[in-house]
Amino acid sequence: MKQELTVETREGENVAVLIPIGFINAHTVETFDSALRSVLDQGRFSVVINARSLAYVASAGLGALVGTIEEIRENGGDLRICELSESVTAIFEMVGLPHLFRIFKTEEEAISSFRA
């Protein structure tokens, strides 16, 4: 059974918020990657991933995040993550991503961290 993924994109003040809904795995990573890509192609490098509706992320999804972070930071931006579920937090911690990404409890905190 193929798990579905949709990605909502919301443009905030100088910050693009991506909301992946569902599962990011080998079958759906392209959907996630192209949503992220389209934000970067618009020259928006302050990105927040709101993970509140992300049920699961596999290594393919983690690879997509890690693969874009260098480009984002080279362009003076950053990628921040918020509202992770316990299960997705456990996956992130297992592979050491909290050292690579700033993680916030709420979307508001993540967005305002760009102003600091």
PDB file of N, CA and C in Angstrom:
ATOM      1  N   MET A   1       0.846  -1.191   0.000  1.00  0.00           N
ATOM      2  CA  MET A   1       0.000   0.000   0.000  1.00  0.00           C
ATOM      3  C   MET A   1       0.889   1.251   0.000  1.00  0.00           C
ATOM      4  N   LYS A   2       0.651   2.119  -0.930  1.00  0.00           N
ATOM      5  CA  LYS A   2       1.452   3.331  -1.048  1.00  0.00           C
ATOM      6  C   LYS A   2       0.878   4.408  -0.132  1.00  0.00           C
ATOM      7  N   GLN A   3       1.715   4.954   0.724  1.00  0.00           N
ATOM      8  CA  GLN A   3       1.278   6.032   1.600  1.00  0.00           C
ATOM      9  C   GLN A   3       1.344   7.345   0.849  1.00  0.00           C
ATOM     10  N   GLU A   4       0.371   8.174   1.064  1.00  0.00           N
ATOM     11  CA  GLU A   4       0.311   9.436   0.335  1.00  0.00           C
ATOM     12  C   GLU A   4       0.948  10.568   1.118  1.00  0.00           C
ATOM     13  N   LEU A   5       1.334  11.592   0.378  1.00  0.00           N
ATOM     14  CA  LEU A   5       1.895  12.789   0.985  1.00  0.00           C
ATOM     15  C   LEU A   5       1.386  13.995   0.216  1.00  0.00           C
ATOM     16  N   THR A   6       0.960  15.001   0.948  1.00  0.00           N
ATOM     17  CA  THR A   6       0.713  16.299   0.333  1.00  0.00           C
ATOM     18  C   THR A   6       1.559  17.302   1.117  1.00  0.00           C
ATOM     19  N   VAL A   7       1.935  18.369   0.447  1.00  0.00           N
ATOM     20  CA  VAL A   7       2.727  19.406   1.105  1.00  0.00           C
ATOM     21  C   VAL A   7       2.051  20.739   0.863  1.00  0.00           C
ATOM     22  N   GLU A   8       1.603  21.358   1.937  1.00  0.00           N
ATOM     23  CA  GLU A   8       1.044  22.711   1.836  1.00  0.00           C
ATOM     24  C   GLU A   8       2.190  23.692   2.028  1.00  0.00           C
ATOM     25  N   THR A   9       2.154  24.772   1.262  1.00  0.00           N
ATOM     26  CA  THR A   9       3.168  25.812   1.411  1.00  0.00           C
ATOM     27  C   THR A   9       2.468  27.106   1.755  1.00  0.00           C
ATOM     28  N   ARG A  10       2.946  27.744   2.800  1.00  0.00           N
ATOM     29  CA  ARG A  10       2.389  29.018   3.216  1.00  0.00           C
ATOM     30  C   ARG A  10       3.518  30.034   3.210  1.00  0.00           C
ATOM     31  N   GLU A  11       3.298  31.170   2.579  1.00  0.00           N
ATOM     32  CA  GLU A  11       4.322  32.211   2.529  1.00  0.00           C
ATOM     33  C   GLU A  11       4.087  33.181   3.672  1.00  0.00           C
ATOM     34  N   GLY A  12       5.010  33.206   4.616  1.00  0.00           N
ATOM     35  CA  GLY A  12       4.914  34.171   5.710  1.00  0.00           C
ATOM     36  C   GLY A  12       5.751  35.384   5.366  1.00  0.00           C
ATOM     37  N   GLU A  13       5.977  36.231   6.364  1.00  0.00           N
ATOM     38  CA  GLU A  13       6.817  37.407   6.145  1.00  0.00           C
ATOM     39  C   GLU A  13       8.264  36.946   6.035  1.00  0.00           C
ATOM     40  N   ASN A  14       8.777  36.944   4.823  1.00  0.00           N
ATOM     41  CA  ASN A  14      10.158  36.527   4.548  1.00  0.00           C
ATOM     42  C   ASN A  14      10.460  35.069   4.913  1.00  0.00           C
ATOM     43  N   VAL A  15       9.454  34.317   5.316  1.00  0.00           N
ATOM     44  CA  VAL A  15       9.662  32.917   5.684  1.00  0.00           C
ATOM     45  C   VAL A  15       8.651  32.064   4.924  1.00  0.00           C
ATOM     46  N   ALA A  16       9.128  30.988   4.311  1.00  0.00           N
ATOM     47  CA  ALA A  16       8.232  30.035   3.671  1.00  0.00           C
ATOM     48  C   ALA A  16       8.005  28.879   4.645  1.00  0.00           C
ATOM     49  N   VAL A  17       6.732  28.530   4.855  1.00  0.00           N
ATOM     50  CA  VAL A  17       6.404  27.428   5.761  1.00  0.00           C
ATOM     51  C   VAL A  17       5.889  26.264   4.923  1.00  0.00           C
ATOM     52  N   LEU A  18       6.543  25.116   5.056  1.00  0.00           N
ATOM     53  CA  LEU A  18       6.093  23.909   4.376  1.00  0.00           C
ATOM     54  C   LEU A  18       5.466  22.979   5.404  1.00  0.00           C
ATOM     55  N   ILE A  19       4.290  22.443   5.061  1.00  0.00           N
ATOM     56  CA  ILE A  19       3.583  21.541   5.969  1.00  0.00           C
ATOM     57  C   ILE A  19       3.366  20.204   5.264  1.00  0.00           C
ATOM     58  N   PRO A  20       4.280  19.257   5.492  1.00  0.00           N
ATOM     59  CA  PRO A  20       4.079  17.925   4.905  1.00  0.00           C
ATOM     60  C   PRO A  20       3.002  17.174   5.683  1.00  0.00           C
ATOM     61  N   ILE A  21       2.048  16.584   4.944  1.00  0.00           N
ATOM     62  CA  ILE A  21       0.950  15.860   5.572  1.00  0.00           C
ATOM     63  C   ILE A  21       1.006  14.413   5.087  1.00  0.00           C
ATOM     64  N   GLY A  22       1.277  13.518   6.013  1.00  0.00           N
ATOM     65  CA  GLY A  22       1.356  12.102   5.661  1.00  0.00           C
ATOM     66  C   GLY A  22       2.732  11.534   5.947  1.00  0.00           C
ATOM     67  N   PHE A  23       3.246  10.773   4.979  1.00  0.00           N
ATOM     68  CA  PHE A  23       4.487  10.023   5.149  1.00  0.00           C
ATOM     69  C   PHE A  23       5.505  10.479   4.111  1.00  0.00           C
ATOM     70  N   ILE A  24       6.752  10.719   4.528  1.00  0.00           N
ATOM     71  CA  ILE A  24       7.820  10.965   3.560  1.00  0.00           C
ATOM     72  C   ILE A  24       8.664   9.691   3.517  1.00  0.00           C
ATOM     73  N   ASN A  25       8.590   9.006   2.382  1.00  0.00           N
ATOM     74  CA  ASN A  25       9.380   7.788   2.193  1.00  0.00           C
ATOM     75  C   ASN A  25       9.884   7.756   0.749  1.00  0.00           C
ATOM     76  N   ALA A  26      10.412   6.642   0.320  1.00  0.00           N
ATOM     77  CA  ALA A  26      10.984   6.545  -1.028  1.00  0.00           C
ATOM     78  C   ALA A  26       9.954   6.861  -2.112  1.00  0.00           C
ATOM     79  N   HIS A  27       8.673   6.556  -1.840  1.00  0.00           N
ATOM     80  CA  HIS A  27       7.629   6.790  -2.848  1.00  0.00           C
ATOM     81  C   HIS A  27       7.153   8.235  -2.891  1.00  0.00           C
ATOM     82  N   THR A  28       7.261   8.934  -1.757  1.00  0.00           N
ATOM     83  CA  THR A  28       6.682  10.285  -1.679  1.00  0.00           C
ATOM     84  C   THR A  28       7.717  11.393  -1.574  1.00  0.00           C
ATOM     85  N   VAL A  29       9.000  11.019  -1.480  1.00  0.00           N
ATOM     86  CA  VAL A  29      10.030  12.031  -1.255  1.00  0.00           C
ATOM     87  C   VAL A  29      10.079  13.036  -2.401  1.00  0.00           C
ATOM     88  N   GLU A  30       9.747  12.603  -3.609  1.00  0.00           N
ATOM     89  CA  GLU A  30       9.762  13.508  -4.755  1.00  0.00           C
ATOM     90  C   GLU A  30       8.765  14.658  -4.567  1.00  0.00           C
ATOM     91  N   THR A  31       7.602  14.340  -4.004  1.00  0.00           N
ATOM     92  CA  THR A  31       6.587  15.361  -3.715  1.00  0.00           C
ATOM     93  C   THR A  31       7.134  16.386  -2.731  1.00  0.00           C
ATOM     94  N   PHE A  32       7.777  15.885  -1.684  1.00  0.00           N
ATOM     95  CA  PHE A  32       8.352  16.763  -0.669  1.00  0.00           C
ATOM     96  C   PHE A  32       9.484  17.597  -1.261  1.00  0.00           C
ATOM     97  N   ASP A  33      10.354  16.927  -1.986  1.00  0.00           N
ATOM     98  CA  ASP A  33      11.512  17.579  -2.577  1.00  0.00           C
ATOM     99  C   ASP A  33      11.105  18.685  -3.555  1.00  0.00           C
ATOM    100  N   SER A  34      10.078  18.437  -4.367  1.00  0.00           N
ATOM    101  CA  SER A  34       9.696  19.460  -5.341  1.00  0.00           C
ATOM    102  C   SER A  34       9.015  20.647  -4.672  1.00  0.00           C
ATOM    103  N   ALA A  35       8.315  20.424  -3.560  1.00  0.00           N
ATOM    104  CA  ALA A  35       7.735  21.552  -2.805  1.00  0.00           C
ATOM    105  C   ALA A  35       8.854  22.414  -2.231  1.00  0.00           C
ATOM    106  N   LEU A  36       9.861  21.769  -1.673  1.00  0.00           N
ATOM    107  CA  LEU A  36      11.008  22.474  -1.114  1.00  0.00           C
ATOM    108  C   LEU A  36      11.768  23.196  -2.218  1.00  0.00           C
ATOM    109  N   ARG A  37      11.981  22.494  -3.321  1.00  0.00           N
ATOM    110  CA  ARG A  37      12.694  23.039  -4.479  1.00  0.00           C
ATOM    111  C   ARG A  37      12.003  24.299  -5.005  1.00  0.00           C
ATOM    112  N   SER A  38      10.680  24.271  -5.088  1.00  0.00           N
ATOM    113  CA  SER A  38       9.968  25.410  -5.663  1.00  0.00           C
ATOM    114  C   SER A  38      10.115  26.654  -4.791  1.00  0.00           C
ATOM    115  N   VAL A  39      10.189  26.468  -3.472  1.00  0.00           N
ATOM    116  CA  VAL A  39      10.425  27.585  -2.557  1.00  0.00           C
ATOM    117  C   VAL A  39      11.838  28.149  -2.781  1.00  0.00           C
ATOM    118  N   LEU A  40      12.821  27.260  -2.886  1.00  0.00           N
ATOM    119  CA  LEU A  40      14.206  27.693  -3.081  1.00  0.00           C
ATOM    120  C   LEU A  40      14.387  28.360  -4.439  1.00  0.00           C
ATOM    121  N   ASP A  41      13.698  27.832  -5.447  1.00  0.00           N
ATOM    122  CA  ASP A  41      13.790  28.409  -6.789  1.00  0.00           C
ATOM    123  C   ASP A  41      13.236  29.829  -6.835  1.00  0.00           C
ATOM    124  N   GLN A  42      12.360  30.168  -5.886  1.00  0.00           N
ATOM    125  CA  GLN A  42      11.828  31.534  -5.795  1.00  0.00           C
ATOM    126  C   GLN A  42      12.782  32.431  -5.000  1.00  0.00           C
ATOM    127  N   GLY A  43      13.914  31.871  -4.577  1.00  0.00           N
ATOM    128  CA  GLY A  43      14.881  32.652  -3.825  1.00  0.00           C
ATOM    129  C   GLY A  43      14.521  32.812  -2.360  1.00  0.00           C
ATOM    130  N   ARG A  44      13.668  31.918  -1.866  1.00  0.00           N
ATOM    131  CA  ARG A  44      13.279  31.979  -0.450  1.00  0.00           C
ATOM    132  C   ARG A  44      14.100  30.941   0.314  1.00  0.00           C
ATOM    133  N   PHE A  45      15.010  31.452   1.157  1.00  0.00           N
ATOM    134  CA  PHE A  45      15.930  30.552   1.846  1.00  0.00           C
ATOM    135  C   PHE A  45      15.732  30.545   3.355  1.00  0.00           C
ATOM    136  N   SER A  46      14.684  31.216   3.838  1.00  0.00           N
ATOM    137  CA  SER A  46      14.289  31.094   5.239  1.00  0.00           C
ATOM    138  C   SER A  46      13.081  30.175   5.240  1.00  0.00           C
ATOM    139  N   VAL A  47      13.304  28.937   5.643  1.00  0.00           N
ATOM    140  CA  VAL A  47      12.287  27.895   5.493  1.00  0.00           C
ATOM    141  C   VAL A  47      11.983  27.250   6.840  1.00  0.00           C
ATOM    142  N   VAL A  48      10.693  27.098   7.114  1.00  0.00           N
ATOM    143  CA  VAL A  48      10.254  26.353   8.296  1.00  0.00           C
ATOM    144  C   VAL A  48       9.471  25.142   7.813  1.00  0.00           C
ATOM    145  N   ILE A  49       9.825  23.982   8.318  1.00  0.00           N
ATOM    146  CA  ILE A  49       9.049  22.771   8.068  1.00  0.00           C
ATOM    147  C   ILE A  49       8.185  22.561   9.306  1.00  0.00           C
ATOM    148  N   ASN A  50       6.867  22.711   9.147  1.00  0.00           N
ATOM    149  CA  ASN A  50       5.954  22.427  10.259  1.00  0.00           C
ATOM    150  C   ASN A  50       5.562  20.960  10.140  1.00  0.00           C
ATOM    151  N   ALA A  51       6.042  20.162  11.079  1.00  0.00           N
ATOM    152  CA  ALA A  51       5.904  18.710  10.981  1.00  0.00           C
ATOM    153  C   ALA A  51       4.709  18.161  11.759  1.00  0.00           C
ATOM    154  N   ARG A  52       3.754  19.032  12.145  1.00  0.00           N
ATOM    155  CA  ARG A  52       2.652  18.553  12.993  1.00  0.00           C
ATOM    156  C   ARG A  52       1.823  17.455  12.332  1.00  0.00           C
ATOM    157  N   SER A  53       1.742  17.438  10.986  1.00  0.00           N
ATOM    158  CA  SER A  53       0.943  16.423  10.293  1.00  0.00           C
ATOM    159  C   SER A  53       1.806  15.380   9.598  1.00  0.00           C
ATOM    160  N   LEU A  54       3.086  15.370   9.961  1.00  0.00           N
ATOM    161  CA  LEU A  54       4.011  14.386   9.391  1.00  0.00           C
ATOM    162  C   LEU A  54       3.957  13.130  10.246  1.00  0.00           C
ATOM    163  N   ALA A  55       3.431  12.062   9.665  1.00  0.00           N
ATOM    164  CA  ALA A  55       3.252  10.829  10.426  1.00  0.00           C
ATOM    165  C   ALA A  55       4.553  10.039  10.544  1.00  0.00           C
ATOM    166  N   TYR A  56       5.368  10.116   9.502  1.00  0.00           N
ATOM    167  CA  TYR A  56       6.588   9.301   9.470  1.00  0.00           C
ATOM    168  C   TYR A  56       7.535   9.882   8.442  1.00  0.00           C
ATOM    169  N   VAL A  57       8.819   9.793   8.727  1.00  0.00           N
ATOM    170  CA  VAL A  57       9.824  10.198   7.741  1.00  0.00           C
ATOM    171  C   VAL A  57      10.876   9.096   7.654  1.00  0.00           C
ATOM    172  N   ALA A  58      11.089   8.606   6.442  1.00  0.00           N
ATOM    173  CA  ALA A  58      12.085   7.558   6.202  1.00  0.00           C
ATOM    174  C   ALA A  58      13.404   8.204   5.793  1.00  0.00           C
ATOM    175  N   SER A  59      14.409   7.378   5.580  1.00  0.00           N
ATOM    176  CA  SER A  59      15.740   7.904   5.257  1.00  0.00           C
ATOM    177  C   SER A  59      15.722   8.775   3.998  1.00  0.00           C
ATOM    178  N   ALA A  60      14.847   8.484   3.050  1.00  0.00           N
ATOM    179  CA  ALA A  60      14.759   9.299   1.832  1.00  0.00           C
ATOM    180  C   ALA A  60      14.372  10.739   2.169  1.00  0.00           C
ATOM    181  N   GLY A  61      13.441  10.900   3.095  1.00  0.00           N
ATOM    182  CA  GLY A  61      13.012  12.231   3.512  1.00  0.00           C
ATOM    183  C   GLY A  61      14.101  12.966   4.261  1.00  0.00           C
ATOM    184  N   LEU A  62      14.819  12.230   5.117  1.00  0.00           N
ATOM    185  CA  LEU A  62      15.929  12.825   5.855  1.00  0.00           C
ATOM    186  C   LEU A  62      17.003  13.267   4.873  1.00  0.00           C
ATOM    187  N   GLY A  63      17.218  12.450   3.842  1.00  0.00           N
ATOM    188  CA  GLY A  63      18.202  12.780   2.810  1.00  0.00           C
ATOM    189  C   GLY A  63      17.836  14.049   2.063  1.00  0.00           C
ATOM    190  N   ALA A  64      16.547  14.248   1.802  1.00  0.00           N
ATOM    191  CA  ALA A  64      16.086  15.449   1.109  1.00  0.00           C
ATOM    192  C   ALA A  64      16.361  16.687   1.960  1.00  0.00           C
ATOM    193  N   LEU A  65      16.147  16.584   3.265  1.00  0.00           N
ATOM    194  CA  LEU A  65      16.418  17.707   4.169  1.00  0.00           C
ATOM    195  C   LEU A  65      17.914  18.014   4.219  1.00  0.00           C
ATOM    196  N   VAL A  66      18.698  16.981   4.438  1.00  0.00           N
ATOM    197  CA  VAL A  66      20.141  17.154   4.563  1.00  0.00           C
ATOM    198  C   VAL A  66      20.729  17.633   3.233  1.00  0.00           C
ATOM    199  N   GLY A  67      20.160  17.156   2.133  1.00  0.00           N
ATOM    200  CA  GLY A  67      20.660  17.519   0.816  1.00  0.00           C
ATOM    201  C   GLY A  67      20.452  18.980   0.449  1.00  0.00           C
ATOM    202  N   THR A  68      19.448  19.625   1.051  1.00  0.00           N
ATOM    203  CA  THR A  68      19.184  21.017   0.702  1.00  0.00           C
ATOM    204  C   THR A  68      19.755  22.011   1.717  1.00  0.00           C
ATOM    205  N   ILE A  69      20.110  21.533   2.907  1.00  0.00           N
ATOM    206  CA  ILE A  69      20.514  22.469   3.952  1.00  0.00           C
ATOM    207  C   ILE A  69      21.764  23.252   3.561  1.00  0.00           C
ATOM    208  N   GLU A  70      22.699  22.605   2.875  1.00  0.00           N
ATOM    209  CA  GLU A  70      23.925  23.293   2.480  1.00  0.00           C
ATOM    210  C   GLU A  70      23.616  24.440   1.514  1.00  0.00           C
ATOM    211  N   GLU A  71      22.792  24.152   0.509  1.00  0.00           N
ATOM    212  CA  GLU A  71      22.398  25.186  -0.452  1.00  0.00           C
ATOM    213  C   GLU A  71      21.691  26.347   0.238  1.00  0.00           C
ATOM    214  N   ILE A  72      20.795  26.022   1.164  1.00  0.00           N
ATOM    215  CA  ILE A  72      20.042  27.049   1.882  1.00  0.00           C
ATOM    216  C   ILE A  72      21.001  27.943   2.675  1.00  0.00           C
ATOM    217  N   ARG A  73      21.923  27.320   3.395  1.00  0.00           N
ATOM    218  CA  ARG A  73      22.848  28.103   4.229  1.00  0.00           C
ATOM    219  C   ARG A  73      23.847  28.885   3.382  1.00  0.00           C
ATOM    220  N   GLU A  74      24.251  28.334   2.231  1.00  0.00           N
ATOM    221  CA  GLU A  74      25.155  29.071   1.329  1.00  0.00           C
ATOM    222  C   GLU A  74      24.482  30.341   0.823  1.00  0.00           C
ATOM    223  N   ASN A  75      23.156  30.342   0.787  1.00  0.00           N
ATOM    224  CA  ASN A  75      22.407  31.509   0.329  1.00  0.00           C
ATOM    225  C   ASN A  75      21.949  32.392   1.493  1.00  0.00           C
ATOM    226  N   GLY A  76      22.564  32.188   2.651  1.00  0.00           N
ATOM    227  CA  GLY A  76      22.288  33.052   3.794  1.00  0.00           C
ATOM    228  C   GLY A  76      21.011  32.729   4.539  1.00  0.00           C
ATOM    229  N   GLY A  77      20.420  31.580   4.263  1.00  0.00           N
ATOM    230  CA  GLY A  77      19.177  31.210   4.933  1.00  0.00           C
ATOM    231  C   GLY A  77      19.375  30.084   5.921  1.00  0.00           C
ATOM    232  N   ASP A  78      18.267  29.517   6.330  1.00  0.00           N
ATOM    233  CA  ASP A  78      18.319  28.350   7.201  1.00  0.00           C
ATOM    234  C   ASP A  78      17.002  27.599   7.082  1.00  0.00           C
ATOM    235  N   LEU A  79      17.045  26.351   7.498  1.00  0.00           N
ATOM    236  CA  LEU A  79      15.853  25.519   7.516  1.00  0.00           C
ATOM    237  C   LEU A  79      15.605  25.143   8.965  1.00  0.00           C
ATOM    238  N   ARG A  80      14.429  25.484   9.469  1.00  0.00           N
ATOM    239  CA  ARG A  80      14.085  25.198  10.859  1.00  0.00           C
ATOM    240  C   ARG A  80      12.881  24.258  10.859  1.00  0.00           C
ATOM    241  N   ILE A  81      12.767  23.482  11.900  1.00  0.00           N
ATOM    242  CA  ILE A  81      11.713  22.472  11.969  1.00  0.00           C
ATOM    243  C   ILE A  81      10.925  22.692  13.249  1.00  0.00           C
ATOM    244  N   CYS A  82       9.601  22.509  13.182  1.00  0.00           N
ATOM    245  CA  CYS A  82       8.792  22.681  14.382  1.00  0.00           C
ATOM    246  C   CYS A  82       7.672  21.652  14.453  1.00  0.00           C
ATOM    247  N   GLU A  83       7.126  21.542  15.658  1.00  0.00           N
ATOM    248  CA  GLU A  83       5.958  20.707  15.956  1.00  0.00           C
ATOM    249  C   GLU A  83       6.141  19.242  15.548  1.00  0.00           C
ATOM    250  N   LEU A  84       7.312  18.698  15.862  1.00  0.00           N
ATOM    251  CA  LEU A  84       7.576  17.288  15.581  1.00  0.00           C
ATOM    252  C   LEU A  84       6.790  16.396  16.532  1.00  0.00           C
ATOM    253  N   SER A  85       6.239  15.321  16.005  1.00  0.00           N
ATOM    254  CA  SER A  85       5.587  14.327  16.869  1.00  0.00           C
ATOM    255  C   SER A  85       6.674  13.560  17.616  1.00  0.00           C
ATOM    256  N   GLU A  86       6.277  12.828  18.643  1.00  0.00           N
ATOM    257  CA  GLU A  86       7.260  12.054  19.402  1.00  0.00           C
ATOM    258  C   GLU A  86       7.961  11.033  18.521  1.00  0.00           C
ATOM    259  N   SER A  87       7.188  10.374  17.644  1.00  0.00           N
ATOM    260  CA  SER A  87       7.795   9.329  16.820  1.00  0.00           C
ATOM    261  C   SER A  87       8.774   9.908  15.809  1.00  0.00           C
ATOM    262  N   VAL A  88       8.444  11.056  15.216  1.00  0.00           N
ATOM    263  CA  VAL A  88       9.363  11.675  14.254  1.00  0.00           C
ATOM    264  C   VAL A  88      10.570  12.270  14.988  1.00  0.00           C
ATOM    265  N   THR A  89      10.352  12.805  16.187  1.00  0.00           N
ATOM    266  CA  THR A  89      11.468  13.293  16.999  1.00  0.00           C
ATOM    267  C   THR A  89      12.454  12.164  17.273  1.00  0.00           C
ATOM    268  N   ALA A  90      11.940  10.981  17.596  1.00  0.00           N
ATOM    269  CA  ALA A  90      12.793   9.823  17.880  1.00  0.00           C
ATOM    270  C   ALA A  90      13.642   9.467  16.657  1.00  0.00           C
ATOM    271  N   ILE A  91      13.043   9.521  15.469  1.00  0.00           N
ATOM    272  CA  ILE A  91      13.779   9.239  14.230  1.00  0.00           C
ATOM    273  C   ILE A  91      14.883  10.286  14.040  1.00  0.00           C
ATOM    274  N   PHE A  92      14.531  11.562  14.222  1.00  0.00           N
ATOM    275  CA  PHE A  92      15.507  12.645  14.069  1.00  0.00           C
ATOM    276  C   PHE A  92      16.682  12.447  15.028  1.00  0.00           C
ATOM    277  N   GLU A  93      16.359  12.118  16.294  1.00  0.00           N
ATOM    278  CA  GLU A  93      17.403  11.964  17.298  1.00  0.00           C
ATOM    279  C   GLU A  93      18.296  10.768  16.991  1.00  0.00           C
ATOM    280  N   MET A  94      17.689   9.711  16.474  1.00  0.00           N
ATOM    281  CA  MET A  94      18.423   8.490  16.164  1.00  0.00           C
ATOM    282  C   MET A  94      19.531   8.758  15.143  1.00  0.00           C
ATOM    283  N   VAL A  95      19.262   9.655  14.184  1.00  0.00           N
ATOM    284  CA  VAL A  95      20.255   9.924  13.138  1.00  0.00           C
ATOM    285  C   VAL A  95      21.014  11.238  13.370  1.00  0.00           C
ATOM    286  N   GLY A  96      20.804  11.848  14.522  1.00  0.00           N
ATOM    287  CA  GLY A  96      21.587  13.019  14.899  1.00  0.00           C
ATOM    288  C   GLY A  96      21.171  14.334  14.246  1.00  0.00           C
ATOM    289  N   LEU A  97      19.941  14.421  13.730  1.00  0.00           N
ATOM    290  CA  LEU A  97      19.530  15.651  13.056  1.00  0.00           C
ATOM    291  C   LEU A  97      19.354  16.865  13.963  1.00  0.00           C
ATOM    292  N   PRO A  98      19.037  16.693  15.250  1.00  0.00           N
ATOM    293  CA  PRO A  98      18.954  17.902  16.084  1.00  0.00           C
ATOM    294  C   PRO A  98      20.255  18.702  16.128  1.00  0.00           C
ATOM    295  N   HIS A  99      21.380  18.079  15.768  1.00  0.00           N
ATOM    296  CA  HIS A  99      22.646  18.817  15.708  1.00  0.00           C
ATOM    297  C   HIS A  99      22.741  19.644  14.434  1.00  0.00           C
ATOM    298  N   LEU A 100      21.990  19.262  13.416  1.00  0.00           N
ATOM    299  CA  LEU A 100      22.060  19.919  12.112  1.00  0.00           C
ATOM    300  C   LEU A 100      20.983  20.985  11.940  1.00  0.00           C
ATOM    301  N   PHE A 101      19.830  20.764  12.552  1.00  0.00           N
ATOM    302  CA  PHE A 101      18.686  21.663  12.387  1.00  0.00           C
ATOM    303  C   PHE A 101      18.245  22.215  13.731  1.00  0.00           C
ATOM    304  N   ARG A 102      17.808  23.469  13.738  1.00  0.00           N
ATOM    305  CA  ARG A 102      17.185  24.016  14.948  1.00  0.00           C
ATOM    306  C   ARG A 102      15.730  23.571  14.955  1.00  0.00           C
ATOM    307  N   ILE A 103      15.309  23.019  16.079  1.00  0.00           N
ATOM    308  CA  ILE A 103      13.954  22.464  16.209  1.00  0.00           C
ATOM    309  C   ILE A 103      13.197  23.254  17.266  1.00  0.00           C
ATOM    310  N   PHE A 104      11.968  23.634  16.933  1.00  0.00           N
ATOM    311  CA  PHE A 104      11.156  24.474  17.814  1.00  0.00           C
ATOM    312  C   PHE A 104       9.843  23.784  18.146  1.00  0.00           C
ATOM    313  N   LYS A 105       9.284  24.159  19.297  1.00  0.00           N
ATOM    314  CA  LYS A 105       7.989  23.595  19.707  1.00  0.00           C
ATOM    315  C   LYS A 105       6.852  24.106  18.829  1.00  0.00           C
ATOM    316  N   THR A 106       6.870  25.416  18.524  1.00  0.00           N
ATOM    317  CA  THR A 106       5.756  25.998  17.770  1.00  0.00           C
ATOM    318  C   THR A 106       6.246  26.664  16.493  1.00  0.00           C
ATOM    319  N   GLU A 107       5.325  26.810  15.551  1.00  0.00           N
ATOM    320  CA  GLU A 107       5.645  27.479  14.289  1.00  0.00           C
ATOM    321  C   GLU A 107       6.026  28.938  14.546  1.00  0.00           C
ATOM    322  N   GLU A 108       5.305  29.584  15.461  1.00  0.00           N
ATOM    323  CA  GLU A 108       5.584  30.989  15.768  1.00  0.00           C
ATOM    324  C   GLU A 108       7.021  31.172  16.261  1.00  0.00           C
ATOM    325  N   GLU A 109       7.469  30.267  17.139  1.00  0.00           N
ATOM    326  CA  GLU A 109       8.848  30.343  17.640  1.00  0.00           C
ATOM    327  C   GLU A 109       9.842  30.152  16.504  1.00  0.00           C
ATOM    328  N   ALA A 110       9.554  29.211  15.626  1.00  0.00           N
ATOM    329  CA  ALA A 110      10.457  28.935  14.502  1.00  0.00           C
ATOM    330  C   ALA A 110      10.547  30.147  13.580  1.00  0.00           C
ATOM    331  N   ILE A 111       9.409  30.754  13.270  1.00  0.00           N
ATOM    332  CA  ILE A 111       9.382  31.923  12.389  1.00  0.00           C
ATOM    333  C   ILE A 111      10.098  33.106  13.045  1.00  0.00           C
ATOM    334  N   SER A 112       9.789  33.345  14.314  1.00  0.00           N
ATOM    335  CA  SER A 112      10.392  34.513  14.961  1.00  0.00           C
ATOM    336  C   SER A 112      11.888  34.325  15.189  1.00  0.00           C
ATOM    337  N   SER A 113      12.366  33.079  15.174  1.00  0.00           N
ATOM    338  CA  SER A 113      13.808  32.862  15.344  1.00  0.00           C
ATOM    339  C   SER A 113      14.603  33.445  14.177  1.00  0.00           C
ATOM    340  N   PHE A 114      13.951  33.657  13.037  1.00  0.00           N
ATOM    341  CA  PHE A 114      14.633  34.271  11.895  1.00  0.00           C
ATOM    342  C   PHE A 114      14.827  35.768  12.116  1.00  0.00           C
ATOM    343  N   ARG A 115      13.990  36.367  12.956  1.00  0.00           N
ATOM    344  CA  ARG A 115      14.091  37.808  13.210  1.00  0.00           C
ATOM    345  C   ARG A 115      15.186  38.109  14.226  1.00  0.00           C
ATOM    346  N   ALA A 116      15.517  37.119  15.039  1.00  0.00           N
ATOM    347  CA  ALA A 116      16.488  37.335  16.128  1.00  0.00           C
ATOM    348  C   ALA A 116      17.886  37.629  15.589  1.00  0.00           C
TER     349      ALA A 116
END
